[in-house]
C-alpha atoms as a PDB file:
ATOM      1  CA  MET A   1      69.658 -68.332 -17.093  1.00  0.00           C
ATOM      2  CA  ASN A   2      69.829 -65.279 -19.383  1.00  0.00           C
ATOM      3  CA  GLN A   3      67.927 -62.228 -18.310  1.00  0.00           C
ATOM      4  CA  MET A   4      65.643 -60.880 -21.037  1.00  0.00           C
ATOM      5  CA  LYS A   5      66.626 -57.371 -22.112  1.00  0.00           C
ATOM      6  CA  THR A   6      64.101 -54.587 -22.536  1.00  0.00           C
ATOM      7  CA  HIS A   7      64.273 -52.192 -25.481  1.00  0.00           C
ATOM      8  CA  TYR A   8      63.597 -48.501 -24.821  1.00  0.00           C
ATOM      9  CA  ASN A   9      63.075 -45.615 -27.259  1.00  0.00           C
ATOM     10  CA  PHE A  10      63.805 -42.063 -26.182  1.00  0.00           C
ATOM     11  CA  THR A  11      63.563 -38.697 -27.918  1.00  0.00           C
ATOM     12  CA  ALA A  12      66.431 -36.277 -27.360  1.00  0.00           C
ATOM     13  CA  GLN A  13      66.213 -32.521 -27.580  1.00  0.00           C
ATOM     14  CA  ILE A  14      69.264 -31.165 -29.395  1.00  0.00           C
ATOM     15  CA  GLU A  15      70.514 -27.589 -29.299  1.00  0.00           C
ATOM     16  CA  LYS A  16      73.701 -25.864 -30.455  1.00  0.00           C
ATOM     17  CA  ASP A  17      75.421 -23.737 -27.820  1.00  0.00           C
ATOM     18  CA  LYS A  18      76.289 -20.396 -29.438  1.00  0.00           C
ATOM     19  CA  GLU A  19      79.174 -19.709 -27.049  1.00  0.00           C
ATOM     20  CA  THR A  20      80.974 -23.056 -27.342  1.00  0.00           C
ATOM     21  CA  GLY A  21      79.686 -24.257 -30.730  1.00  0.00           C
ATOM     22  CA  LEU A  22      78.953 -27.650 -29.139  1.00  0.00           C
ATOM     23  CA  TYR A  23      75.820 -29.685 -29.713  1.00  0.00           C
ATOM     24  CA  VAL A  24      73.944 -30.351 -26.477  1.00  0.00           C
ATOM     25  CA  GLY A  25      71.507 -33.239 -26.161  1.00  0.00           C
ATOM     26  CA  MET A  26      69.080 -34.017 -23.359  1.00  0.00           C
ATOM     27  CA  VAL A  27      66.349 -36.576 -22.766  1.00  0.00           C
ATOM     28  CA  SER A  28      63.677 -34.755 -20.793  1.00  0.00           C
ATOM     29  CA  ASN A  29      61.920 -37.811 -19.379  1.00  0.00           C
ATOM     30  CA  LEU A  30      65.109 -39.528 -18.149  1.00  0.00           C
ATOM     31  CA  PRO A  31      66.709 -37.788 -15.142  1.00  0.00           C
ATOM     32  CA  GLY A  32      70.401 -37.027 -15.682  1.00  0.00           C
ATOM     33  CA  ALA A  33      70.419 -37.861 -19.397  1.00  0.00           C
ATOM     34  CA  TYR A  34      72.265 -34.988 -21.016  1.00  0.00           C
ATOM     35  CA  THR A  35      75.585 -34.641 -22.819  1.00  0.00           C
ATOM     36  CA  GLN A  36      77.444 -32.579 -25.420  1.00  0.00           C
ATOM     37  CA  ALA A  37      79.713 -33.127 -28.419  1.00  0.00           C
ATOM     38  CA  GLU A  38      81.416 -31.397 -31.327  1.00  0.00           C
ATOM     39  CA  THR A  39      79.446 -33.284 -34.018  1.00  0.00           C
ATOM     40  CA  LEU A  40      75.957 -34.736 -34.294  1.00  0.00           C
ATOM     41  CA  ASP A  41      77.372 -38.230 -34.843  1.00  0.00           C
ATOM     42  CA  GLU A  42      79.475 -37.948 -31.694  1.00  0.00           C
ATOM     43  CA  LEU A  43      76.457 -36.579 -29.818  1.00  0.00           C
ATOM     44  CA  GLN A  44      74.337 -39.585 -30.811  1.00  0.00           C
ATOM     45  CA  GLY A  45      76.973 -41.962 -29.456  1.00  0.00           C
ATOM     46  CA  ASN A  46      77.293 -39.939 -26.262  1.00  0.00           C
ATOM     47  CA  LEU A  47      73.514 -39.887 -25.811  1.00  0.00           C
ATOM     48  CA  LYS A  48      73.260 -43.672 -26.205  1.00  0.00           C
ATOM     49  CA  GLU A  49      75.995 -44.118 -23.615  1.00  0.00           C
ATOM     50  CA  VAL A  50      74.491 -41.697 -21.087  1.00  0.00           C
ATOM     51  CA  ILE A  51      71.005 -43.212 -21.543  1.00  0.00           C
ATOM     52  CA  GLU A  52      72.379 -46.697 -20.850  1.00  0.00           C
ATOM     53  CA  LEU A  53      74.170 -45.421 -17.738  1.00  0.00           C
ATOM     54  CA  CYS A  54      71.050 -43.630 -16.472  1.00  0.00           C
ATOM     55  CA  LEU A  55      68.869 -46.707 -17.053  1.00  0.00           C
ATOM     56  CA  GLU A  56      71.327 -48.908 -15.114  1.00  0.00           C
ATOM     57  CA  GLU A  57      70.945 -46.600 -12.105  1.00  0.00           C
ATOM     58  CA  LEU A  58      67.146 -46.816 -11.992  1.00  0.00           C
ATOM     59  CA  SER A  59      65.267 -49.373  -9.931  1.00  0.00           C
ATOM     60  CA  PRO A  60      62.725 -51.641 -11.674  1.00  0.00           C
ATOM     61  CA  ASP A  61      59.940 -49.511 -10.178  1.00  0.00           C
ATOM     62  CA  GLU A  62      61.519 -46.294 -11.487  1.00  0.00           C
ATOM     63  CA  LEU A  63      61.945 -47.859 -14.926  1.00  0.00           C
ATOM     64  CA  GLU A  64      58.298 -48.869 -14.935  1.00  0.00           C
ATOM     65  CA  ASN A  65      57.204 -45.334 -14.027  1.00  0.00           C
ATOM     66  CA  LEU A  66      59.239 -43.194 -16.429  1.00  0.00           C
ATOM     67  CA  SER A  67      57.109 -40.369 -17.752  1.00  0.00           C
ATOM     68  CA  GLU A  68      55.940 -40.641 -21.350  1.00  0.00           C
ATOM     69  CA  PHE A  69      57.425 -38.157 -23.818  1.00  0.00           C
ATOM     70  CA  ILE A  70      54.607 -36.505 -25.769  1.00  0.00           C
ATOM     71  CA  GLY A  71      56.326 -33.926 -27.956  1.00  0.00           C
ATOM     72  CA  PHE A  72      57.295 -30.315 -28.336  1.00  0.00           C
ATOM     73  CA  GLN A  73      54.950 -27.384 -28.674  1.00  0.00           C
ATOM     74  CA  GLN A  74      55.989 -24.044 -30.093  1.00  0.00           C
ATOM     75  CA  ILE A  75      54.637 -21.018 -28.211  1.00  0.00           C
ATOM     76  CA  SER A  76      54.790 -17.444 -29.575  1.00  0.00           C
ATOM     77  CA  VAL A  77      54.802 -14.495 -27.227  1.00  0.00           C
ATOM     78  CA  THR A  78      55.391 -10.791 -27.628  1.00  0.00           C
ATOM     79  CA  VAL A  79      57.060  -8.832 -24.854  1.00  0.00           C
END
């Protein structure tokens, strides 16, 4: 009997490291889901791979209780 697969959507935060010039991607609501790459295309592939690996490590209960990503909020401060 085939097990039905579940589809997940995640939002990755992407930054460019000024020292290395690498793109760094992280999924804030999935523990351990972060990676880096030289190009954005490579980063997307790396992110998909690391997300799949992280999901495989989670128990059904942990999968059910992943926090919900809401968004980013920009905050201005003066110091």
